[in-house]
């Protein structure tokens, strides 16, 4: 799956929400452990849809679910979260 600039901005938005809520360690742990099973992880997002839709518009949520099916996109999200966390600590 080809990732667009809009997709990258969406990943950064998700990473920003994770870091601002101080969920970095838990999110990275979950993402790393589910990377080999990224499709199943994306289906977990479908299951969690009622809770997560609080933070994202419906169209964005569907796109995130589709992006999380690919291990490379999961790694991109992890890197975005870690970068934002490091930037936050350096301030």
N, C-alpha and C. Protein backbone atom coordinates (compact mmCIF):
# COMPACT_ATOMS: atom_id res chain seq x y z
N UNK A 1 0.84 -1.18 0.00
CA UNK A 1 0.00 0.00 0.00
C UNK A 1 0.88 1.24 0.00
N UNK A 2 0.62 2.14 -0.91
CA UNK A 2 1.38 3.38 -1.00
C UNK A 2 0.84 4.38 0.03
N UNK A 3 1.75 4.97 0.79
CA UNK A 3 1.34 5.94 1.81
C UNK A 3 1.50 7.35 1.25
N UNK A 4 0.49 8.17 1.43
CA UNK A 4 0.48 9.53 0.90
C UNK A 4 0.90 10.52 1.98
N UNK A 5 1.09 11.76 1.59
CA UNK A 5 1.42 12.81 2.56
C UNK A 5 0.27 12.99 3.54
N UNK A 6 -0.95 12.86 3.06
CA UNK A 6 -2.12 12.96 3.93
C UNK A 6 -2.10 11.84 4.98
N UNK A 7 -1.68 10.64 4.54
CA UNK A 7 -1.56 9.52 5.48
C UNK A 7 -0.50 9.79 6.54
N UNK A 8 0.62 10.38 6.13
CA UNK A 8 1.68 10.70 7.08
C UNK A 8 1.20 11.72 8.11
N UNK A 9 0.44 12.72 7.65
CA UNK A 9 -0.10 13.72 8.57
C UNK A 9 -1.08 13.06 9.55
N UNK A 10 -1.84 12.11 9.06
CA UNK A 10 -2.78 11.39 9.92
C UNK A 10 -2.04 10.58 10.98
N UNK A 11 -0.94 9.95 10.58
CA UNK A 11 -0.11 9.20 11.53
C UNK A 11 0.47 10.13 12.58
N UNK A 12 0.92 11.32 12.16
CA UNK A 12 1.47 12.28 13.10
C UNK A 12 0.40 12.77 14.07
N UNK A 13 -0.82 12.93 13.58
CA UNK A 13 -1.93 13.33 14.45
C UNK A 13 -2.19 12.26 15.50
N UNK A 14 -2.19 11.00 15.08
CA UNK A 14 -2.39 9.90 16.01
C UNK A 14 -1.25 9.84 17.03
N UNK A 15 -0.03 10.01 16.54
CA UNK A 15 1.13 10.00 17.44
C UNK A 15 1.03 11.15 18.45
N UNK A 16 0.59 12.29 18.02
CA UNK A 16 0.44 13.44 18.90
C UNK A 16 -0.58 13.18 20.00
N UNK A 17 -1.66 12.52 19.66
CA UNK A 17 -2.68 12.18 20.65
C UNK A 17 -2.11 11.21 21.68
N UNK A 18 -1.37 10.22 21.20
CA UNK A 18 -0.77 9.23 22.10
C UNK A 18 0.19 9.90 23.08
N UNK A 19 1.06 10.75 22.57
CA UNK A 19 2.06 11.41 23.42
C UNK A 19 1.40 12.39 24.38
N UNK A 20 0.43 13.13 23.91
CA UNK A 20 -0.22 14.12 24.78
C UNK A 20 -0.99 13.46 25.93
N UNK A 21 -1.42 12.24 25.73
CA UNK A 21 -2.15 11.52 26.78
C UNK A 21 -1.22 10.64 27.62
N UNK A 22 0.08 10.78 27.38
CA UNK A 22 1.11 10.03 28.12
C UNK A 22 0.94 8.51 27.98
N UNK A 23 0.62 8.09 26.78
CA UNK A 23 0.44 6.66 26.51
C UNK A 23 1.55 6.09 25.64
N UNK A 24 2.68 6.77 25.59
CA UNK A 24 3.76 6.37 24.70
C UNK A 24 4.22 4.94 24.94
N UNK A 25 4.58 4.63 26.17
CA UNK A 25 5.12 3.29 26.45
C UNK A 25 4.10 2.21 26.13
N UNK A 26 2.87 2.41 26.56
CA UNK A 26 1.84 1.41 26.30
C UNK A 26 1.56 1.26 24.80
N UNK A 27 1.50 2.38 24.09
CA UNK A 27 1.22 2.33 22.66
C UNK A 27 2.35 1.65 21.89
N UNK A 28 3.59 2.01 22.21
CA UNK A 28 4.74 1.39 21.52
C UNK A 28 4.78 -0.10 21.83
N UNK A 29 4.56 -0.47 23.08
CA UNK A 29 4.53 -1.89 23.45
C UNK A 29 3.46 -2.63 22.65
N UNK A 30 2.26 -2.08 22.61
CA UNK A 30 1.17 -2.71 21.88
C UNK A 30 1.48 -2.81 20.39
N UNK A 31 1.98 -1.73 19.81
CA UNK A 31 2.26 -1.73 18.37
C UNK A 31 3.39 -2.69 18.02
N UNK A 32 4.45 -2.71 18.83
CA UNK A 32 5.57 -3.63 18.58
C UNK A 32 5.11 -5.08 18.68
N UNK A 33 4.31 -5.36 19.69
CA UNK A 33 3.88 -6.75 19.88
C UNK A 33 2.86 -7.20 18.84
N UNK A 34 2.14 -6.26 18.27
CA UNK A 34 1.13 -6.64 17.27
C UNK A 34 1.64 -6.51 15.84
N UNK A 35 2.87 -6.02 15.66
CA UNK A 35 3.40 -5.83 14.31
C UNK A 35 3.38 -7.11 13.46
N UNK A 36 3.79 -8.27 14.02
CA UNK A 36 3.73 -9.49 13.20
C UNK A 36 2.31 -9.89 12.81
N UNK A 37 1.36 -9.41 13.58
CA UNK A 37 -0.04 -9.72 13.32
C UNK A 37 -0.79 -8.44 12.97
N UNK A 38 -0.20 -7.63 12.11
CA UNK A 38 -0.75 -6.30 11.85
C UNK A 38 -2.19 -6.35 11.33
N UNK A 39 -2.52 -7.36 10.53
CA UNK A 39 -3.90 -7.44 10.04
C UNK A 39 -4.86 -7.67 11.20
N UNK A 40 -4.49 -8.56 12.11
CA UNK A 40 -5.35 -8.81 13.27
C UNK A 40 -5.42 -7.56 14.14
N UNK A 41 -4.31 -6.85 14.26
CA UNK A 41 -4.31 -5.60 15.01
C UNK A 41 -5.24 -4.57 14.40
N UNK A 42 -5.26 -4.52 13.07
CA UNK A 42 -6.17 -3.58 12.42
C UNK A 42 -7.62 -3.97 12.66
N UNK A 43 -7.87 -5.27 12.75
CA UNK A 43 -9.23 -5.72 13.05
C UNK A 43 -9.61 -5.41 14.49
N UNK A 44 -8.61 -5.37 15.38
CA UNK A 44 -8.86 -4.94 16.75
C UNK A 44 -9.32 -3.48 16.76
N UNK A 45 -8.73 -2.67 15.86
CA UNK A 45 -9.15 -1.28 15.75
C UNK A 45 -10.61 -1.18 15.32
N UNK A 46 -11.02 -2.08 14.46
CA UNK A 46 -12.43 -2.10 14.06
C UNK A 46 -13.30 -2.39 15.29
N UNK A 47 -12.86 -3.33 16.11
CA UNK A 47 -13.58 -3.66 17.33
C UNK A 47 -13.65 -2.46 18.28
N UNK A 48 -12.56 -1.70 18.36
CA UNK A 48 -12.47 -0.56 19.27
C UNK A 48 -13.07 0.72 18.70
N UNK A 49 -13.66 0.63 17.53
CA UNK A 49 -14.18 1.80 16.83
C UNK A 49 -15.03 2.74 17.69
N UNK A 50 -15.96 2.26 18.49
CA UNK A 50 -16.77 3.20 19.27
C UNK A 50 -15.97 4.07 20.23
N UNK A 51 -14.89 3.55 20.78
CA UNK A 51 -14.07 4.31 21.71
C UNK A 51 -13.14 5.28 20.99
N UNK A 52 -12.53 4.82 19.94
CA UNK A 52 -11.51 5.61 19.25
C UNK A 52 -12.13 6.71 18.39
N UNK A 53 -13.34 6.51 17.92
CA UNK A 53 -13.98 7.54 17.09
C UNK A 53 -14.15 8.85 17.84
N UNK A 54 -13.97 8.83 19.13
CA UNK A 54 -14.02 10.05 19.91
C UNK A 54 -12.92 11.01 19.47
N UNK A 55 -11.77 10.49 19.01
CA UNK A 55 -10.62 11.32 18.65
C UNK A 55 -10.51 11.62 17.17
N UNK A 56 -11.12 10.80 16.33
CA UNK A 56 -10.96 10.94 14.89
C UNK A 56 -12.31 11.02 14.20
N UNK A 57 -12.32 11.70 13.06
CA UNK A 57 -13.50 11.68 12.22
C UNK A 57 -13.65 10.28 11.65
N UNK A 58 -14.85 9.92 11.27
CA UNK A 58 -15.11 8.57 10.78
C UNK A 58 -14.23 8.21 9.58
N UNK A 59 -14.09 9.14 8.64
CA UNK A 59 -13.27 8.89 7.46
C UNK A 59 -11.81 8.63 7.85
N UNK A 60 -11.28 9.41 8.79
CA UNK A 60 -9.91 9.22 9.25
C UNK A 60 -9.73 7.86 9.92
N UNK A 61 -10.70 7.47 10.71
CA UNK A 61 -10.59 6.20 11.43
C UNK A 61 -10.52 5.03 10.46
N UNK A 62 -11.34 5.06 9.44
CA UNK A 62 -11.30 3.99 8.44
C UNK A 62 -9.94 3.94 7.75
N UNK A 63 -9.35 5.10 7.50
CA UNK A 63 -8.04 5.14 6.85
C UNK A 63 -6.97 4.58 7.78
N UNK A 64 -7.03 4.91 9.06
CA UNK A 64 -6.07 4.39 10.02
C UNK A 64 -6.17 2.87 10.08
N UNK A 65 -7.39 2.37 10.12
CA UNK A 65 -7.59 0.91 10.15
C UNK A 65 -6.95 0.26 8.94
N UNK A 66 -7.12 0.86 7.76
CA UNK A 66 -6.52 0.31 6.54
C UNK A 66 -4.99 0.40 6.59
N UNK A 67 -4.46 1.51 7.09
CA UNK A 67 -3.01 1.68 7.16
C UNK A 67 -2.36 0.69 8.12
N UNK A 68 -3.03 0.37 9.20
CA UNK A 68 -2.45 -0.53 10.21
C UNK A 68 -2.40 -1.98 9.76
N UNK A 69 -2.95 -2.30 8.60
CA UNK A 69 -2.84 -3.66 8.07
C UNK A 69 -1.43 -3.96 7.60
N UNK A 70 -0.64 -2.93 7.32
CA UNK A 70 0.71 -3.09 6.79
C UNK A 70 1.75 -2.87 7.90
N UNK A 71 2.65 -3.82 8.07
CA UNK A 71 3.69 -3.73 9.12
C UNK A 71 4.55 -2.49 8.97
N UNK A 72 4.83 -2.07 7.75
CA UNK A 72 5.66 -0.88 7.53
C UNK A 72 4.99 0.37 8.08
N UNK A 73 3.68 0.45 7.95
CA UNK A 73 2.95 1.60 8.47
C UNK A 73 2.90 1.58 9.99
N UNK A 74 2.85 0.39 10.57
CA UNK A 74 2.90 0.28 12.03
C UNK A 74 4.24 0.80 12.51
N UNK A 75 5.31 0.44 11.83
CA UNK A 75 6.65 0.92 12.20
C UNK A 75 6.74 2.44 12.04
N UNK A 76 6.13 2.98 11.00
CA UNK A 76 6.12 4.43 10.80
C UNK A 76 5.41 5.13 11.96
N UNK A 77 4.32 4.57 12.42
CA UNK A 77 3.60 5.14 13.56
C UNK A 77 4.45 5.08 14.83
N UNK A 78 5.10 3.96 15.05
CA UNK A 78 5.98 3.82 16.22
C UNK A 78 7.08 4.89 16.19
N UNK A 79 7.69 5.08 15.04
CA UNK A 79 8.75 6.07 14.90
C UNK A 79 8.23 7.48 15.15
N UNK A 80 7.02 7.76 14.67
CA UNK A 80 6.41 9.08 14.89
C UNK A 80 6.16 9.32 16.38
N UNK A 81 5.66 8.31 17.06
CA UNK A 81 5.40 8.43 18.50
C UNK A 81 6.70 8.65 19.25
N UNK A 82 7.72 7.86 18.94
CA UNK A 82 9.01 7.98 19.63
C UNK A 82 9.67 9.33 19.37
N UNK A 83 9.55 9.84 18.14
CA UNK A 83 10.13 11.14 17.81
C UNK A 83 9.43 12.25 18.61
N UNK A 84 8.11 12.22 18.64
CA UNK A 84 7.38 13.24 19.40
C UNK A 84 7.70 13.17 20.89
N UNK A 85 7.82 11.97 21.42
CA UNK A 85 8.16 11.80 22.83
C UNK A 85 9.56 12.36 23.11
N UNK A 86 10.50 12.08 22.24
CA UNK A 86 11.87 12.59 22.41
C UNK A 86 11.88 14.12 22.33
N UNK A 87 11.12 14.68 21.38
CA UNK A 87 11.04 16.13 21.26
C UNK A 87 10.44 16.75 22.52
N UNK A 88 9.44 16.08 23.07
CA UNK A 88 8.77 16.57 24.29
C UNK A 88 9.75 16.57 25.47
N UNK A 89 10.57 15.53 25.59
CA UNK A 89 11.53 15.44 26.68
C UNK A 89 12.65 16.46 26.54
N UNK A 90 13.00 16.80 25.30
CA UNK A 90 14.09 17.76 25.05
C UNK A 90 13.68 19.19 25.32
N UNK A 91 12.40 19.45 25.47
CA UNK A 91 11.94 20.83 25.71
C UNK A 91 12.03 21.19 27.16
